[in-house]
Amino acid sequence: MIEPDFLRTTRTAYDSMAALYAESFANGLEDHPLDRAMLIAFADLVRANGGGPVADLGCGPGHVTGLLHSFGLDASGVDLSPEMIAIARAAHPELRFEVGSMTALDLADDSLGGVLARYSIIHTPPEQLPRVFAEFHRVLAPGGHLLLAFQAHDDPSELAESFDHKVALAYHWSPDRVADLLSKTGFTETARLRQTAPPEAERQFPQAHLLFSKV
């Protein structure tokens, strides 16, 4: 199968700045209490459903994967960038990290209790998003939980709007349209959080967190 151009472009871009990216996010989520709250709720729900394995898809340098592990989850990470995975393995040798793509996950059907995709769908072209969500649904066990986070926009007539991300072409998404697409894929909404951008933020995009479960 021929690899889509956007995967090659995104991999190359993140490989080239993996060390800088890891340094920039070295403090994790200490200054993001609402982000942490959604991750804690996600972890609680996964444990309540039997505590199956959790995959952090688009894990980057692995700081959030490590946080999920600290919450008592059997967490592992997948990322498109081999350089990011090398950094994650060095930082968290006790955890599993693999190179892979959200469009074709090397995971068995119904094998996960949870999927986290935190700001990792933003480089996915809109026409590829149904394929990605179908993969999330395939690998989650019945009753498993999905937590998405992404930059958002408020026009429900448009699924995605592109913006000039520092690393590679990216999209911010309509939470309503993304939620509708997840519902059509077979997920049920549990909760959502919309955060406005703080005044000091370089880009004034709101942030969305969507929590869904597999029917």
N, C-alpha and C. Protein backbone atom coordinates (compact mmCIF):
# COMPACT_ATOMS: atom_id res chain seq x y z
N MET A 1 0.84 -1.19 0.00
CA MET A 1 0.00 0.00 0.00
C MET A 1 0.88 1.25 0.00
N ILE A 2 0.56 2.18 -0.87
CA ILE A 2 1.33 3.43 -0.96
C ILE A 2 0.97 4.33 0.22
N GLU A 3 2.00 4.83 0.90
CA GLU A 3 1.77 5.70 2.05
C GLU A 3 1.30 7.07 1.60
N PRO A 4 0.25 7.61 2.22
CA PRO A 4 -0.22 8.95 1.84
C PRO A 4 0.86 10.01 2.07
N ASP A 5 0.86 11.02 1.23
CA ASP A 5 1.87 12.08 1.32
C ASP A 5 1.85 12.77 2.67
N PHE A 6 0.67 12.97 3.26
CA PHE A 6 0.61 13.73 4.51
C PHE A 6 1.33 13.01 5.64
N LEU A 7 1.37 11.67 5.60
CA LEU A 7 2.10 10.92 6.62
C LEU A 7 3.60 11.13 6.49
N ARG A 8 4.11 11.07 5.28
CA ARG A 8 5.54 11.29 5.07
C ARG A 8 5.94 12.70 5.47
N THR A 9 5.13 13.68 5.07
CA THR A 9 5.44 15.07 5.38
C THR A 9 5.43 15.32 6.89
N THR A 10 4.42 14.80 7.56
CA THR A 10 4.31 15.00 9.01
C THR A 10 5.43 14.29 9.74
N ARG A 11 5.77 13.06 9.33
CA ARG A 11 6.86 12.34 9.98
C ARG A 11 8.18 13.09 9.85
N THR A 12 8.48 13.54 8.64
CA THR A 12 9.74 14.25 8.42
C THR A 12 9.81 15.52 9.25
N ALA A 13 8.70 16.25 9.32
CA ALA A 13 8.68 17.50 10.07
C ALA A 13 8.91 17.27 11.56
N TYR A 14 8.25 16.27 12.13
CA TYR A 14 8.42 16.00 13.56
C TYR A 14 9.77 15.37 13.87
N ASP A 15 10.28 14.55 12.98
CA ASP A 15 11.62 14.01 13.18
C ASP A 15 12.65 15.13 13.30
N SER A 16 12.48 16.17 12.48
CA SER A 16 13.47 17.24 12.43
C SER A 16 13.49 18.11 13.68
N MET A 17 12.40 18.10 14.44
CA MET A 17 12.34 18.98 15.62
C MET A 17 11.96 18.21 16.88
N ALA A 18 12.19 16.91 16.90
CA ALA A 18 11.76 16.08 18.02
C ALA A 18 12.38 16.52 19.33
N ALA A 19 13.69 16.80 19.34
CA ALA A 19 14.36 17.19 20.58
C ALA A 19 13.82 18.51 21.11
N LEU A 20 13.63 19.49 20.24
CA LEU A 20 13.09 20.78 20.66
C LEU A 20 11.67 20.63 21.16
N TYR A 21 10.86 19.83 20.49
CA TYR A 21 9.48 19.60 20.92
C TYR A 21 9.44 18.98 22.31
N ALA A 22 10.28 17.97 22.53
CA ALA A 22 10.31 17.31 23.83
C ALA A 22 10.72 18.28 24.93
N GLU A 23 11.68 19.13 24.65
CA GLU A 23 12.11 20.11 25.64
C GLU A 23 11.00 21.11 25.94
N SER A 24 10.26 21.50 24.92
CA SER A 24 9.20 22.50 25.10
C SER A 24 8.08 21.99 26.00
N PHE A 25 7.86 20.66 26.00
CA PHE A 25 6.77 20.09 26.78
C PHE A 25 7.28 19.29 27.97
N ALA A 26 8.48 19.63 28.44
CA ALA A 26 9.11 18.87 29.52
C ALA A 26 8.30 18.94 30.82
N ASN A 27 7.56 20.03 31.03
CA ASN A 27 6.79 20.18 32.27
C ASN A 27 5.42 19.50 32.22
N GLY A 28 5.14 18.82 31.11
CA GLY A 28 3.88 18.09 31.02
C GLY A 28 2.68 19.00 31.10
N LEU A 29 1.74 18.65 31.96
CA LEU A 29 0.48 19.38 32.06
C LEU A 29 0.34 20.10 33.39
N GLU A 30 1.44 20.45 34.01
CA GLU A 30 1.39 21.11 35.32
C GLU A 30 0.59 22.40 35.29
N ASP A 31 0.63 23.11 34.18
CA ASP A 31 -0.07 24.39 34.08
C ASP A 31 -1.41 24.28 33.35
N HIS A 32 -1.93 23.06 33.19
CA HIS A 32 -3.17 22.85 32.44
C HIS A 32 -4.13 21.98 33.26
N PRO A 33 -4.73 22.55 34.29
CA PRO A 33 -5.56 21.74 35.19
C PRO A 33 -6.78 21.13 34.52
N LEU A 34 -7.38 21.81 33.55
CA LEU A 34 -8.55 21.24 32.89
C LEU A 34 -8.17 20.06 32.01
N ASP A 35 -7.03 20.15 31.35
CA ASP A 35 -6.54 19.02 30.56
C ASP A 35 -6.31 17.81 31.46
N ARG A 36 -5.67 18.05 32.61
CA ARG A 36 -5.43 16.97 33.56
C ARG A 36 -6.75 16.37 34.06
N ALA A 37 -7.73 17.24 34.30
CA ALA A 37 -9.02 16.76 34.80
C ALA A 37 -9.68 15.81 33.80
N MET A 38 -9.60 16.13 32.51
CA MET A 38 -10.18 15.25 31.50
C MET A 38 -9.42 13.92 31.43
N LEU A 39 -8.10 13.99 31.57
CA LEU A 39 -7.31 12.76 31.56
C LEU A 39 -7.62 11.90 32.78
N ILE A 40 -7.81 12.53 33.93
CA ILE A 40 -8.16 11.78 35.14
C ILE A 40 -9.53 11.12 34.98
N ALA A 41 -10.50 11.86 34.43
CA ALA A 41 -11.82 11.27 34.20
C ALA A 41 -11.73 10.10 33.23
N PHE A 42 -10.96 10.26 32.18
CA PHE A 42 -10.73 9.19 31.20
C PHE A 42 -10.15 7.97 31.90
N ALA A 43 -9.12 8.16 32.73
CA ALA A 43 -8.48 7.05 33.44
C ALA A 43 -9.47 6.37 34.37
N ASP A 44 -10.26 7.14 35.09
CA ASP A 44 -11.25 6.57 36.00
C ASP A 44 -12.26 5.69 35.24
N LEU A 45 -12.70 6.18 34.09
CA LEU A 45 -13.67 5.42 33.30
C LEU A 45 -13.07 4.13 32.76
N VAL A 46 -11.83 4.19 32.31
CA VAL A 46 -11.17 2.98 31.80
C VAL A 46 -11.03 1.95 32.92
N ARG A 47 -10.60 2.40 34.09
CA ARG A 47 -10.45 1.46 35.20
C ARG A 47 -11.79 0.87 35.61
N ALA A 48 -12.83 1.69 35.60
CA ALA A 48 -14.17 1.21 35.98
C ALA A 48 -14.69 0.17 35.00
N ASN A 49 -14.20 0.20 33.77
CA ASN A 49 -14.65 -0.76 32.75
C ASN A 49 -13.73 -1.98 32.67
N GLY A 50 -12.87 -2.15 33.65
CA GLY A 50 -12.00 -3.33 33.68
C GLY A 50 -10.52 -3.02 33.55
N GLY A 51 -10.20 -1.77 33.23
CA GLY A 51 -8.80 -1.36 33.21
C GLY A 51 -7.95 -1.97 32.12
N GLY A 52 -8.51 -2.14 30.92
CA GLY A 52 -7.74 -2.70 29.81
C GLY A 52 -6.63 -1.78 29.36
N PRO A 53 -5.77 -2.26 28.46
CA PRO A 53 -4.66 -1.44 27.96
C PRO A 53 -5.16 -0.17 27.30
N VAL A 54 -4.33 0.87 27.39
CA VAL A 54 -4.64 2.17 26.80
C VAL A 54 -3.52 2.55 25.84
N ALA A 55 -3.88 3.03 24.66
CA ALA A 55 -2.91 3.49 23.68
C ALA A 55 -2.99 5.00 23.55
N ASP A 56 -1.84 5.66 23.72
CA ASP A 56 -1.70 7.09 23.51
C ASP A 56 -1.23 7.27 22.07
N LEU A 57 -2.15 7.63 21.19
CA LEU A 57 -1.87 7.67 19.75
C LEU A 57 -1.42 9.07 19.36
N GLY A 58 -0.24 9.16 18.76
CA GLY A 58 0.40 10.44 18.54
C GLY A 58 1.05 10.90 19.84
N CYS A 59 1.75 9.98 20.47
CA CYS A 59 2.25 10.20 21.84
C CYS A 59 3.42 11.17 21.91
N GLY A 60 4.07 11.48 20.77
CA GLY A 60 5.22 12.38 20.82
C GLY A 60 6.31 11.85 21.74
N PRO A 61 6.87 12.70 22.61
CA PRO A 61 7.95 12.27 23.49
C PRO A 61 7.50 11.49 24.71
N GLY A 62 6.21 11.18 24.80
CA GLY A 62 5.73 10.25 25.81
C GLY A 62 5.37 10.82 27.16
N HIS A 63 5.33 12.17 27.29
CA HIS A 63 5.07 12.73 28.62
C HIS A 63 3.65 12.43 29.10
N VAL A 64 2.68 12.44 28.19
CA VAL A 64 1.30 12.14 28.61
C VAL A 64 1.12 10.64 28.80
N THR A 65 1.81 9.82 28.01
CA THR A 65 1.78 8.37 28.24
C THR A 65 2.25 8.06 29.66
N GLY A 66 3.34 8.72 30.07
CA GLY A 66 3.83 8.54 31.43
C GLY A 66 2.83 8.98 32.47
N LEU A 67 2.10 10.06 32.18
CA LEU A 67 1.09 10.54 33.11
C LEU A 67 -0.04 9.52 33.24
N LEU A 68 -0.48 8.95 32.13
CA LEU A 68 -1.51 7.92 32.18
C LEU A 68 -1.04 6.73 33.02
N HIS A 69 0.21 6.37 32.86
CA HIS A 69 0.77 5.28 33.66
C HIS A 69 0.72 5.61 35.15
N SER A 70 1.01 6.87 35.48
CA SER A 70 0.97 7.29 36.89
C SER A 70 -0.45 7.25 37.45
N PHE A 71 -1.45 7.30 36.57
CA PHE A 71 -2.85 7.19 37.00
C PHE A 71 -3.29 5.74 37.16
N GLY A 72 -2.37 4.81 36.98
CA GLY A 72 -2.69 3.40 37.18
C GLY A 72 -3.11 2.66 35.94
N LEU A 73 -2.88 3.23 34.75
CA LEU A 73 -3.28 2.58 33.51
C LEU A 73 -2.12 1.81 32.88
N ASP A 74 -2.44 0.76 32.18
CA ASP A 74 -1.47 0.01 31.37
C ASP A 74 -1.33 0.76 30.05
N ALA A 75 -0.50 1.78 30.06
CA ALA A 75 -0.42 2.72 28.94
C ALA A 75 0.79 2.43 28.05
N SER A 76 0.58 2.58 26.75
CA SER A 76 1.65 2.50 25.77
C SER A 76 1.45 3.63 24.76
N GLY A 77 2.48 3.88 23.95
CA GLY A 77 2.41 4.99 23.01
C GLY A 77 2.73 4.58 21.59
N VAL A 78 2.08 5.27 20.65
CA VAL A 78 2.33 5.08 19.22
C VAL A 78 2.53 6.46 18.61
N ASP A 79 3.54 6.59 17.76
CA ASP A 79 3.75 7.86 17.09
C ASP A 79 4.33 7.61 15.70
N LEU A 80 4.03 8.53 14.80
CA LEU A 80 4.50 8.44 13.42
C LEU A 80 6.00 8.68 13.31
N SER A 81 6.57 9.43 14.24
CA SER A 81 7.96 9.88 14.17
C SER A 81 8.90 8.94 14.91
N PRO A 82 9.84 8.29 14.23
CA PRO A 82 10.83 7.45 14.92
C PRO A 82 11.67 8.23 15.92
N GLU A 83 11.96 9.49 15.63
CA GLU A 83 12.76 10.30 16.56
C GLU A 83 11.98 10.56 17.84
N MET A 84 10.69 10.84 17.72
CA MET A 84 9.86 11.01 18.91
C MET A 84 9.82 9.73 19.74
N ILE A 85 9.68 8.61 19.08
CA ILE A 85 9.62 7.33 19.79
C ILE A 85 10.94 7.05 20.50
N ALA A 86 12.05 7.37 19.89
CA ALA A 86 13.35 7.17 20.55
C ALA A 86 13.44 8.00 21.83
N ILE A 87 12.97 9.23 21.78
CA ILE A 87 12.98 10.09 22.97
C ILE A 87 12.05 9.53 24.05
N ALA A 88 10.87 9.08 23.64
CA ALA A 88 9.90 8.52 24.59
C ALA A 88 10.47 7.28 25.27
N ARG A 89 11.10 6.41 24.50
CA ARG A 89 11.67 5.19 25.08
C ARG A 89 12.78 5.52 26.08
N ALA A 90 13.59 6.52 25.76
CA ALA A 90 14.67 6.91 26.67
C ALA A 90 14.12 7.52 27.95
N ALA A 91 13.06 8.30 27.82
CA ALA A 91 12.48 8.98 28.99
C ALA A 91 11.66 8.03 29.86
N HIS A 92 11.05 7.01 29.24
CA HIS A 92 10.16 6.10 29.97
C HIS A 92 10.48 4.65 29.59
N PRO A 93 11.63 4.15 30.00
CA PRO A 93 12.03 2.80 29.58
C PRO A 93 11.11 1.70 30.09
N GLU A 94 10.29 2.00 31.09
CA GLU A 94 9.37 1.01 31.65
C GLU A 94 8.11 0.84 30.81
N LEU A 95 7.89 1.73 29.82
CA LEU A 95 6.68 1.70 29.01
C LEU A 95 6.98 1.26 27.58
N ARG A 96 5.94 0.89 26.86
CA ARG A 96 6.07 0.42 25.48
C ARG A 96 5.75 1.57 24.52
N PHE A 97 6.63 1.78 23.55
CA PHE A 97 6.41 2.79 22.52
C PHE A 97 6.75 2.17 21.16
N GLU A 98 5.88 2.42 20.18
CA GLU A 98 6.08 1.87 18.85
C GLU A 98 5.82 2.94 17.78
N VAL A 99 6.54 2.84 16.68
CA VAL A 99 6.30 3.69 15.52
C VAL A 99 5.08 3.15 14.78
N GLY A 100 4.15 4.03 14.45
CA GLY A 100 2.96 3.58 13.73
C GLY A 100 2.09 4.75 13.32
N SER A 101 1.07 4.45 12.53
CA SER A 101 0.15 5.46 12.01
C SER A 101 -1.26 5.19 12.50
N MET A 102 -1.99 6.25 12.83
CA MET A 102 -3.38 6.11 13.24
C MET A 102 -4.28 5.62 12.10
N THR A 103 -3.80 5.68 10.87
CA THR A 103 -4.60 5.22 9.74
C THR A 103 -4.58 3.71 9.59
N ALA A 104 -3.61 3.05 10.22
CA ALA A 104 -3.49 1.59 10.12
C ALA A 104 -2.73 1.09 11.34
N LEU A 105 -3.42 0.95 12.45
CA LEU A 105 -2.78 0.59 13.71
C LEU A 105 -2.43 -0.90 13.75
N ASP A 106 -1.24 -1.20 14.25
CA ASP A 106 -0.80 -2.58 14.41
C ASP A 106 -1.28 -3.11 15.76
N LEU A 107 -2.59 -3.13 15.91
CA LEU A 107 -3.24 -3.55 17.15
C LEU A 107 -4.42 -4.45 16.79
N ALA A 108 -4.68 -5.43 17.64
CA ALA A 108 -5.76 -6.37 17.37
C ALA A 108 -7.12 -5.73 17.58
N ASP A 109 -8.12 -6.26 16.93
CA ASP A 109 -9.50 -5.82 17.14
C ASP A 109 -9.88 -5.97 18.61
N ASP A 110 -10.64 -4.99 19.13
CA ASP A 110 -11.21 -5.06 20.48
C ASP A 110 -10.16 -5.31 21.57
N SER A 111 -8.96 -4.77 21.37
CA SER A 111 -7.85 -5.09 22.28
C SER A 111 -7.57 -4.04 23.34
N LEU A 112 -8.20 -2.87 23.25
CA LEU A 112 -7.88 -1.76 24.14
C LEU A 112 -9.06 -1.37 25.02
N GLY A 113 -8.73 -0.95 26.24
CA GLY A 113 -9.74 -0.37 27.11
C GLY A 113 -9.88 1.12 26.91
N GLY A 114 -8.87 1.75 26.28
CA GLY A 114 -8.94 3.19 26.06
C GLY A 114 -8.02 3.63 24.95
N VAL A 115 -8.42 4.69 24.26
CA VAL A 115 -7.61 5.35 23.24
C VAL A 115 -7.56 6.84 23.57
N LEU A 116 -6.36 7.37 23.61
CA LEU A 116 -6.16 8.81 23.75
C LEU A 116 -5.55 9.34 22.47
N ALA A 117 -6.15 10.37 21.92
CA ALA A 117 -5.58 11.06 20.75
C ALA A 117 -5.58 12.55 21.07
N ARG A 118 -4.52 12.98 21.72
CA ARG A 118 -4.44 14.34 22.26
C ARG A 118 -3.65 15.22 21.28
N TYR A 119 -4.37 16.06 20.55
CA TYR A 119 -3.81 16.95 19.55
C TYR A 119 -3.05 16.17 18.47
N SER A 120 -3.46 14.95 18.22
CA SER A 120 -2.77 14.14 17.22
C SER A 120 -3.58 13.92 15.96
N ILE A 121 -4.85 14.35 15.93
CA ILE A 121 -5.61 14.26 14.68
C ILE A 121 -5.47 15.55 13.87
N ILE A 122 -4.73 16.53 14.40
CA ILE A 122 -4.75 17.86 13.77
C ILE A 122 -4.06 17.89 12.42
N HIS A 123 -3.18 16.93 12.13
CA HIS A 123 -2.49 16.90 10.83
C HIS A 123 -3.18 15.96 9.85
N THR A 124 -4.32 15.42 10.22
CA THR A 124 -5.04 14.48 9.37
C THR A 124 -5.94 15.24 8.39
N PRO A 125 -5.77 15.07 7.09
CA PRO A 125 -6.69 15.71 6.15
C PRO A 125 -8.13 15.30 6.44
N PRO A 126 -9.08 16.22 6.29
CA PRO A 126 -10.47 15.90 6.64
C PRO A 126 -11.01 14.65 5.99
N GLU A 127 -10.62 14.37 4.75
CA GLU A 127 -11.14 13.19 4.07
C GLU A 127 -10.61 11.88 4.67
N GLN A 128 -9.53 11.97 5.45
CA GLN A 128 -8.95 10.79 6.08
C GLN A 128 -9.50 10.55 7.49
N LEU A 129 -10.23 11.51 8.03
CA LEU A 129 -10.67 11.39 9.42
C LEU A 129 -11.61 10.20 9.65
N PRO A 130 -12.56 9.90 8.75
CA PRO A 130 -13.39 8.70 8.97
C PRO A 130 -12.57 7.42 9.06
N ARG A 131 -11.51 7.32 8.27
CA ARG A 131 -10.63 6.16 8.32
C ARG A 131 -9.95 6.04 9.69
N VAL A 132 -9.50 7.17 10.22
CA VAL A 132 -8.84 7.18 11.52
C VAL A 132 -9.83 6.78 12.62
N PHE A 133 -11.02 7.35 12.59
CA PHE A 133 -12.01 7.03 13.61
C PHE A 133 -12.44 5.56 13.52
N ALA A 134 -12.50 5.02 12.30
CA ALA A 134 -12.82 3.60 12.15
C ALA A 134 -11.75 2.72 12.79
N GLU A 135 -10.48 3.14 12.70
CA GLU A 135 -9.40 2.40 13.37
C GLU A 135 -9.54 2.48 14.88
N PHE A 136 -9.87 3.67 15.39
CA PHE A 136 -10.09 3.81 16.84
C PHE A 136 -11.18 2.84 17.29
N HIS A 137 -12.26 2.79 16.53
CA HIS A 137 -13.39 1.92 16.89
C HIS A 137 -12.99 0.45 16.80
N ARG A 138 -12.21 0.10 15.80
CA ARG A 138 -11.80 -1.30 15.62
C ARG A 138 -10.98 -1.82 16.80
N VAL A 139 -10.04 -1.01 17.29
CA VAL A 139 -9.11 -1.50 18.31
C VAL A 139 -9.68 -1.41 19.73
N LEU A 140 -10.72 -0.59 19.92
CA LEU A 140 -11.33 -0.48 21.25
C LEU A 140 -12.25 -1.67 21.52
N ALA A 141 -12.17 -2.19 22.73
CA ALA A 141 -13.11 -3.22 23.15
C ALA A 141 -14.48 -2.59 23.41
N PRO A 142 -15.56 -3.35 23.33
CA PRO A 142 -16.87 -2.80 23.68
C PRO A 142 -16.86 -2.19 25.08
N GLY A 143 -17.40 -0.99 25.19
CA GLY A 143 -17.37 -0.25 26.44
C GLY A 143 -16.10 0.55 26.66
N GLY A 144 -15.13 0.41 25.75
CA GLY A 144 -13.89 1.16 25.86
C GLY A 144 -14.11 2.65 25.63
N HIS A 145 -13.15 3.45 26.06
CA HIS A 145 -13.31 4.90 26.04
C HIS A 145 -12.28 5.57 25.13
N LEU A 146 -12.72 6.64 24.49
CA LEU A 146 -11.90 7.44 23.59
C LEU A 146 -11.90 8.88 24.08
N LEU A 147 -10.71 9.46 24.21
CA LEU A 147 -10.59 10.88 24.55
C LEU A 147 -9.82 11.57 23.44
N LEU A 148 -10.46 12.54 22.83
CA LEU A 148 -9.84 13.38 21.79
C LEU A 148 -9.63 14.79 22.33
N ALA A 149 -8.53 15.42 21.93
CA ALA A 149 -8.33 16.85 22.17
C ALA A 149 -7.78 17.47 20.90
N PHE A 150 -8.23 18.69 20.59
CA PHE A 150 -7.79 19.34 19.36
C PHE A 150 -8.11 20.83 19.42
N GLN A 151 -7.43 21.59 18.57
CA GLN A 151 -7.80 22.98 18.39
C GLN A 151 -9.14 23.03 17.67
N ALA A 152 -10.00 23.95 18.11
CA ALA A 152 -11.37 23.95 17.62
C ALA A 152 -11.70 25.26 16.89
N HIS A 153 -12.79 25.20 16.15
CA HIS A 153 -13.40 26.42 15.60
C HIS A 153 -14.89 26.32 15.82
N ASP A 154 -15.61 27.41 15.64
CA ASP A 154 -17.01 27.49 16.05
C ASP A 154 -18.01 27.52 14.90
N ASP A 155 -17.58 27.18 13.70
CA ASP A 155 -18.48 27.18 12.56
C ASP A 155 -18.93 25.75 12.28
N PRO A 156 -20.13 25.37 12.71
CA PRO A 156 -20.56 23.98 12.52
C PRO A 156 -20.84 23.60 11.07
N SER A 157 -20.82 24.59 10.17
CA SER A 157 -21.03 24.26 8.77
C SER A 157 -19.77 23.70 8.12
N GLU A 158 -18.62 23.82 8.79
CA GLU A 158 -17.36 23.33 8.25
C GLU A 158 -16.73 22.36 9.23
N LEU A 159 -16.38 21.17 8.74
CA LEU A 159 -15.71 20.21 9.61
C LEU A 159 -14.35 20.72 10.05
N ALA A 160 -13.58 21.24 9.10
CA ALA A 160 -12.19 21.60 9.40
C ALA A 160 -11.82 22.93 8.74
N GLU A 161 -10.91 23.63 9.37
CA GLU A 161 -10.29 24.82 8.81
C GLU A 161 -8.79 24.69 9.00
N SER A 162 -8.04 24.85 7.94
CA SER A 162 -6.59 24.69 8.04
C SER A 162 -5.96 25.91 8.69
N PHE A 163 -4.83 25.69 9.34
CA PHE A 163 -4.06 26.81 9.88
C PHE A 163 -2.58 26.50 9.77
N ASP A 164 -1.77 27.52 9.89
CA ASP A 164 -0.33 27.40 9.67
C ASP A 164 0.35 26.97 10.97
N HIS A 165 0.34 25.68 11.22
CA HIS A 165 1.00 25.11 12.39
C HIS A 165 2.51 25.24 12.25
N LYS A 166 3.22 25.33 13.38
CA LYS A 166 4.67 25.52 13.33
C LYS A 166 5.40 24.32 12.73
N VAL A 167 4.81 23.14 12.83
CA VAL A 167 5.51 21.94 12.37
C VAL A 167 5.06 21.53 10.97
N ALA A 168 3.76 21.35 10.78
CA ALA A 168 3.23 20.90 9.49
C ALA A 168 1.80 21.40 9.35
N LEU A 169 1.29 21.34 8.13
CA LEU A 169 -0.08 21.77 7.88
C LEU A 169 -1.02 21.09 8.88
N ALA A 170 -1.92 21.87 9.47
CA ALA A 170 -2.80 21.34 10.50
C ALA A 170 -4.21 21.90 10.32
N TYR A 171 -5.13 21.30 11.04
CA TYR A 171 -6.54 21.67 10.95
C TYR A 171 -7.10 21.84 12.35
N HIS A 172 -7.94 22.87 12.51
CA HIS A 172 -8.77 22.90 13.71
C HIS A 172 -10.18 22.52 13.28
N TRP A 173 -10.89 21.89 14.22
CA TRP A 173 -12.09 21.14 13.89
C TRP A 173 -13.32 21.69 14.60
N SER A 174 -14.46 21.50 13.98
CA SER A 174 -15.74 21.80 14.62
C SER A 174 -16.07 20.69 15.60
N PRO A 175 -16.16 20.97 16.90
CA PRO A 175 -16.51 19.90 17.86
C PRO A 175 -17.83 19.21 17.51
N ASP A 176 -18.82 19.97 17.07
CA ASP A 176 -20.10 19.36 16.73
C ASP A 176 -19.97 18.39 15.56
N ARG A 177 -19.20 18.79 14.54
CA ARG A 177 -19.05 17.93 13.36
C ARG A 177 -18.21 16.70 13.68
N VAL A 178 -17.17 16.88 14.50
CA VAL A 178 -16.36 15.73 14.91
C VAL A 178 -17.21 14.77 15.74
N ALA A 179 -18.01 15.30 16.67
CA ALA A 179 -18.88 14.46 17.48
C ALA A 179 -19.87 13.69 16.61
N ASP A 180 -20.40 14.35 15.60
CA ASP A 180 -21.34 13.69 14.70
C ASP A 180 -20.66 12.55 13.94
N LEU A 181 -19.44 12.79 13.50
CA LEU A 181 -18.69 11.76 12.77
C LEU A 181 -18.38 10.57 13.69
N LEU A 182 -18.02 10.85 14.95
CA LEU A 182 -17.77 9.77 15.89
C LEU A 182 -19.04 8.96 16.15
N SER A 183 -20.17 9.64 16.26
CA SER A 183 -21.44 8.94 16.48
C SER A 183 -21.76 8.02 15.31
N LYS A 184 -21.50 8.48 14.09
CA LYS A 184 -21.76 7.67 12.91
C LYS A 184 -20.81 6.48 12.84
N THR A 185 -19.64 6.59 13.49
CA THR A 185 -18.67 5.50 13.50
C THR A 185 -19.04 4.42 14.52
N GLY A 186 -19.95 4.76 15.47
CA GLY A 186 -20.37 3.79 16.46
C GLY A 186 -20.00 4.13 17.88
N PHE A 187 -19.65 5.40 18.12
CA PHE A 187 -19.31 5.85 19.46
C PHE A 187 -20.50 6.61 20.07
N THR A 188 -20.51 6.65 21.40
CA THR A 188 -21.51 7.39 22.14
C THR A 188 -20.82 8.45 22.99
N GLU A 189 -21.34 9.68 22.94
CA GLU A 189 -20.70 10.77 23.67
C GLU A 189 -20.97 10.65 25.17
N THR A 190 -19.89 10.85 25.93
CA THR A 190 -19.97 10.88 27.39
C THR A 190 -19.90 12.30 27.93
N ALA A 191 -18.95 13.09 27.40
CA ALA A 191 -18.76 14.46 27.89
C ALA A 191 -17.92 15.22 26.89
N ARG A 192 -17.98 16.54 27.00
CA ARG A 192 -17.08 17.39 26.21
C ARG A 192 -16.74 18.63 27.00
N LEU A 193 -15.56 19.17 26.69
CA LEU A 193 -15.07 20.39 27.34
C LEU A 193 -14.56 21.32 26.26
N ARG A 194 -14.98 22.58 26.33
CA ARG A 194 -14.46 23.60 25.42
C ARG A 194 -13.73 24.64 26.24
N GLN A 195 -12.46 24.87 25.92
CA GLN A 195 -11.66 25.85 26.61
C GLN A 195 -11.37 27.03 25.68
N THR A 196 -11.55 28.23 26.18
CA THR A 196 -11.13 29.39 25.41
C THR A 196 -9.63 29.56 25.57
N ALA A 197 -9.01 30.16 24.58
CA ALA A 197 -7.56 30.38 24.63
C ALA A 197 -7.23 31.47 25.63
N PRO A 198 -6.21 31.27 26.46
CA PRO A 198 -5.81 32.34 27.39
C PRO A 198 -5.28 33.54 26.64
N PRO A 199 -5.38 34.74 27.23
CA PRO A 199 -4.96 35.96 26.52
C PRO A 199 -3.52 35.92 26.04
N GLU A 200 -2.65 35.19 26.77
CA GLU A 200 -1.23 35.18 26.39
C GLU A 200 -0.91 34.17 25.30
N ALA A 201 -1.90 33.37 24.88
CA ALA A 201 -1.65 32.35 23.88
C ALA A 201 -1.28 32.98 22.54
N GLU A 202 -0.31 32.33 21.88
CA GLU A 202 0.15 32.85 20.58
C GLU A 202 -0.95 32.76 19.54
N ARG A 203 -1.71 31.67 19.56
CA ARG A 203 -2.82 31.49 18.63
C ARG A 203 -4.11 31.43 19.44
N GLN A 204 -5.06 32.22 19.08
CA GLN A 204 -6.29 32.34 19.87
C GLN A 204 -7.35 31.35 19.41
N PHE A 205 -6.99 30.08 19.36
CA PHE A 205 -7.94 29.04 19.03
C PHE A 205 -8.50 28.44 20.32
N PRO A 206 -9.80 28.22 20.41
CA PRO A 206 -10.32 27.43 21.53
C PRO A 206 -9.85 25.99 21.42
N GLN A 207 -9.91 25.29 22.53
CA GLN A 207 -9.51 23.89 22.58
C GLN A 207 -10.74 23.04 22.91
N ALA A 208 -10.85 21.89 22.30
CA ALA A 208 -11.97 20.98 22.57
C ALA A 208 -11.46 19.65 23.05
N HIS A 209 -12.17 19.07 24.02
CA HIS A 209 -11.90 17.72 24.53
C HIS A 209 -13.21 16.96 24.43
N LEU A 210 -13.20 15.85 23.71
CA LEU A 210 -14.39 15.02 23.52
C LEU A 210 -14.14 13.65 24.12
N LEU A 211 -15.04 13.21 24.97
CA LEU A 211 -14.93 11.90 25.60
C LEU A 211 -16.09 11.04 25.11
N PHE A 212 -15.75 9.92 24.48
CA PHE A 212 -16.74 9.02 23.89
C PHE A 212 -16.47 7.59 24.34
N SER A 213 -17.47 6.74 24.22
CA SER A 213 -17.29 5.32 24.48
C SER A 213 -17.75 4.52 23.27
N LYS A 214 -17.21 3.31 23.15
CA LYS A 214 -17.62 2.43 22.07
C LYS A 214 -18.88 1.68 22.46
N VAL A 215 -19.86 1.73 21.63
CA VAL A 215 -21.14 1.05 21.88
C VAL A 215 -20.92 -0.47 21.90
